[in-house]
Amino acid sequence: MIKVLLASTPDDPAWGLMICEEADLGSGTVYPILERLVEAGWVTRYEETGEHPGRPKRYYYELTATGQQAAREAKERKPRFFGARLGPERGTA
């Protein structure tokens, strides 16, 4: 899930259902985590503006500076959770 948020950009922001699909997690898992991240100040949430015919309004999620720093630290501590593979010797990639 954090990988999805790290990969999002202001021009291509992450929204709830997209995060669920990309992270291969259900909404009952993703949305409570997102709410806790918002409450902790690691993620901001904002509503879609403009037209969105035929579907509900989206809520976009973006890592804050604090969230980006925490994600970078987590990636350094637990690279396997971010898709990095460790080599067979000395734990190098």
C-alpha atoms as a PDB file:
ATOM      1  CA  MET A   1       0.000   0.000   0.000  1.00  0.00           C
ATOM      2  CA  ILE A   2       2.821   2.408   0.851  1.00  0.00           C
ATOM      3  CA  LYS A   3       4.467   1.497  -2.464  1.00  0.00           C
ATOM      4  CA  VAL A   4       1.339   2.747  -4.245  1.00  0.00           C
ATOM      5  CA  LEU A   5       1.375   6.022  -2.309  1.00  0.00           C
ATOM      6  CA  LEU A   6       5.107   6.482  -2.967  1.00  0.00           C
ATOM      7  CA  ALA A   7       4.562   5.922  -6.691  1.00  0.00           C
ATOM      8  CA  SER A   8       1.706   8.419  -6.964  1.00  0.00           C
ATOM      9  CA  THR A   9       2.317  11.954  -8.207  1.00  0.00           C
ATOM     10  CA  PRO A  10       0.283  15.177  -8.100  1.00  0.00           C
ATOM     11  CA  ASP A  11      -0.592  14.583 -11.768  1.00  0.00           C
ATOM     12  CA  ASP A  12      -1.533  10.943 -11.085  1.00  0.00           C
ATOM     13  CA  PRO A  13      -2.722  10.757  -7.468  1.00  0.00           C
ATOM     14  CA  ALA A  14      -3.728   7.581  -5.662  1.00  0.00           C
ATOM     15  CA  TRP A  15      -7.373   7.039  -4.722  1.00  0.00           C
ATOM     16  CA  GLY A  16      -8.956   4.423  -2.484  1.00  0.00           C
ATOM     17  CA  LEU A  17     -10.121   1.794  -4.965  1.00  0.00           C
ATOM     18  CA  MET A  18      -6.925   2.111  -7.009  1.00  0.00           C
ATOM     19  CA  ILE A  19      -4.879   1.557  -3.843  1.00  0.00           C
ATOM     20  CA  CYS A  20      -6.975  -1.538  -3.056  1.00  0.00           C
ATOM     21  CA  GLU A  21      -6.404  -2.957  -6.532  1.00  0.00           C
ATOM     22  CA  GLU A  22      -2.695  -2.120  -6.758  1.00  0.00           C
ATOM     23  CA  ALA A  23      -1.972  -3.421  -3.247  1.00  0.00           C
ATOM     24  CA  ASP A  24      -4.210  -6.478  -3.775  1.00  0.00           C
ATOM     25  CA  LEU A  25      -6.016  -5.741  -0.509  1.00  0.00           C
ATOM     26  CA  GLY A  26      -9.684  -5.407   0.298  1.00  0.00           C
ATOM     27  CA  SER A  27     -11.367  -2.125   1.127  1.00  0.00           C
ATOM     28  CA  GLY A  28     -11.997  -3.346   4.680  1.00  0.00           C
ATOM     29  CA  THR A  29      -8.222  -3.423   5.121  1.00  0.00           C
ATOM     30  CA  VAL A  30      -7.164  -0.392   3.086  1.00  0.00           C
ATOM     31  CA  TYR A  31      -9.603   2.280   4.250  1.00  0.00           C
ATOM     32  CA  PRO A  32      -9.024   1.806   7.995  1.00  0.00           C
ATOM     33  CA  ILE A  33      -5.261   1.950   7.408  1.00  0.00           C
ATOM     34  CA  LEU A  34      -5.623   5.103   5.310  1.00  0.00           C
ATOM     35  CA  GLU A  35      -7.722   6.732   8.038  1.00  0.00           C
ATOM     36  CA  ARG A  36      -5.074   5.910  10.664  1.00  0.00           C
ATOM     37  CA  LEU A  37      -2.359   7.331   8.401  1.00  0.00           C
ATOM     38  CA  VAL A  38      -4.407  10.524   7.937  1.00  0.00           C
ATOM     39  CA  GLU A  39      -4.911  10.817  11.716  1.00  0.00           C
ATOM     40  CA  ALA A  40      -1.174  10.295  12.274  1.00  0.00           C
ATOM     41  CA  GLY A  41      -0.350  13.082   9.805  1.00  0.00           C
ATOM     42  CA  TRP A  42       1.441  10.787   7.379  1.00  0.00           C
ATOM     43  CA  VAL A  43      -1.172  11.063   4.621  1.00  0.00           C
ATOM     44  CA  THR A  44      -3.499  13.806   3.446  1.00  0.00           C
ATOM     45  CA  ARG A  45      -6.883  13.144   1.878  1.00  0.00           C
ATOM     46  CA  TYR A  46      -8.736  15.460  -0.476  1.00  0.00           C
ATOM     47  CA  GLU A  47     -11.898  15.229  -2.558  1.00  0.00           C
ATOM     48  CA  GLU A  48     -12.013  15.071  -6.309  1.00  0.00           C
ATOM     49  CA  THR A  49     -13.198  18.291  -7.890  1.00  0.00           C
ATOM     50  CA  GLY A  50     -14.966  18.600 -11.185  1.00  0.00           C
ATOM     51  CA  GLU A  51     -17.212  16.222 -13.043  1.00  0.00           C
ATOM     52  CA  HIS A  52     -17.286  12.506 -12.313  1.00  0.00           C
ATOM     53  CA  PRO A  53     -20.368  11.212 -14.157  1.00  0.00           C
ATOM     54  CA  GLY A  54     -21.403   7.629 -13.608  1.00  0.00           C
ATOM     55  CA  ARG A  55     -19.300   6.996 -10.520  1.00  0.00           C
ATOM     56  CA  PRO A  56     -18.953   8.247  -6.964  1.00  0.00           C
ATOM     57  CA  LYS A  57     -16.618  11.102  -6.102  1.00  0.00           C
ATOM     58  CA  ARG A  58     -13.044   9.948  -5.460  1.00  0.00           C
ATOM     59  CA  TYR A  59     -10.923  10.778  -2.456  1.00  0.00           C
ATOM     60  CA  TYR A  60      -7.245  11.134  -3.244  1.00  0.00           C
ATOM     61  CA  TYR A  61      -4.469  10.230  -0.823  1.00  0.00           C
ATOM     62  CA  GLU A  62      -0.985  11.703  -0.737  1.00  0.00           C
ATOM     63  CA  LEU A  63       1.952  11.150   1.587  1.00  0.00           C
ATOM     64  CA  THR A  64       2.934  14.183   3.645  1.00  0.00           C
ATOM     65  CA  ALA A  65       6.604  15.059   4.176  1.00  0.00           C
ATOM     66  CA  THR A  66       6.440  13.150   7.477  1.00  0.00           C
ATOM     67  CA  GLY A  67       4.855  10.173   5.707  1.00  0.00           C
ATOM     68  CA  GLN A  68       7.469  10.212   2.952  1.00  0.00           C
ATOM     69  CA  GLN A  69      10.261  10.210   5.535  1.00  0.00           C
ATOM     70  CA  ALA A  70       8.626   7.354   7.469  1.00  0.00           C
ATOM     71  CA  ALA A  71       8.175   5.375   4.240  1.00  0.00           C
ATOM     72  CA  ARG A  72      11.827   5.872   3.277  1.00  0.00           C
ATOM     73  CA  GLU A  73      12.947   4.714   6.719  1.00  0.00           C
ATOM     74  CA  ALA A  74      10.659   1.676   6.537  1.00  0.00           C
ATOM     75  CA  LYS A  75      12.007   0.848   3.087  1.00  0.00           C
ATOM     76  CA  GLU A  76      15.572   0.920   4.432  1.00  0.00           C
ATOM     77  CA  ARG A  77      14.662  -1.291   7.416  1.00  0.00           C
ATOM     78  CA  LYS A  78      12.416  -3.759   5.571  1.00  0.00           C
ATOM     79  CA  PRO A  79      13.281  -3.702   1.844  1.00  0.00           C
ATOM     80  CA  ARG A  80      11.516  -7.004   1.174  1.00  0.00           C
ATOM     81  CA  PHE A  81       8.163  -5.320   1.924  1.00  0.00           C
ATOM     82  CA  PHE A  82       8.881  -2.932  -0.954  1.00  0.00           C
ATOM     83  CA  GLY A  83       9.760  -5.574  -3.522  1.00  0.00           C
ATOM     84  CA  ALA A  84      13.536  -5.367  -3.122  1.00  0.00           C
ATOM     85  CA  ARG A  85      15.229  -8.735  -3.298  1.00  0.00           C
ATOM     86  CA  LEU A  86      18.277  -9.413  -1.207  1.00  0.00           C
ATOM     87  CA  GLY A  87      21.218 -11.178  -2.771  1.00  0.00           C
ATOM     88  CA  PRO A  88      22.432 -14.522  -1.373  1.00  0.00           C
ATOM     89  CA  GLU A  89      25.577 -12.998   0.130  1.00  0.00           C
ATOM     90  CA  ARG A  90      25.818 -10.278   2.798  1.00  0.00           C
ATOM     91  CA  GLY A  91      22.174  -9.249   2.260  1.00  0.00           C
ATOM     92  CA  THR A  92      22.893  -7.024  -0.723  1.00  0.00           C
ATOM     93  CA  ALA A  93      20.531  -6.330  -3.550  1.00  0.00           C
END
